[in-house]
Amino acid sequence: MNRTLYLLRHAKSSWDDPTIPDRDRPLAPRGVRACELLAEYFRGHEITPWLVLCSSSTRTRQTLEGVSAGFGYPVEALIEHGLYGASAAELLDRLRLVDGSVASVMLIGHNPAIQELATNLARPTTPREALRDKFPTGALAMLKLASTWTALAPGSATLTAFVTPRKLKSLA
């Protein structure tokens, strides 16, 4: 079975109210627009993961809500407190627990862990410089896996696409 991992950094969040705890910051209007662009991209490329693992922060849950409009069918989504503030190693450990029958997973989380995980998983032979340079809010890295979820390891995936809201906006 071919497996696909979608690593999505939450869309742009609002800093309008500095008294709001980080975990509770909502999306900014720019983030909402980015979700709409991503949903359209998902529809156009028939991207619908079998499972979504989502951090429990407000901005990641709102990102999930926005992008899921582009899924072709209802998707099981797990909101997990442990993904908020998780390191790349902790995200990798969580992905290794995914059931072997699941063909694709979208993980919605935060930097720097999402960027580090994408860079680490991508084979050195794939063009991963873009991942190292910048992984902006709303960016999506798509990786094809050469292993099972339990055997997921650094260098075990091929980066097939790296999409940012800015690129999508320029195509619209």
Foldseek 3Di string as FASTA:
>chain_A
DKAKEKEAEFFAWDCPDVVDPPLATARDPRRLVLLQLLLVVCLVVQDAFQEEEFENRRRRVVSCVSNCNNHPDDHHYDHDPCQAVDALVVVLVVQLPDDQVGRYYYYYHHPPNSLVNLQFQAAPVAPCVVSVVDQHHGKMWMWIAPDTSNPRGGNGTHTPDIDHSVVSVVVD
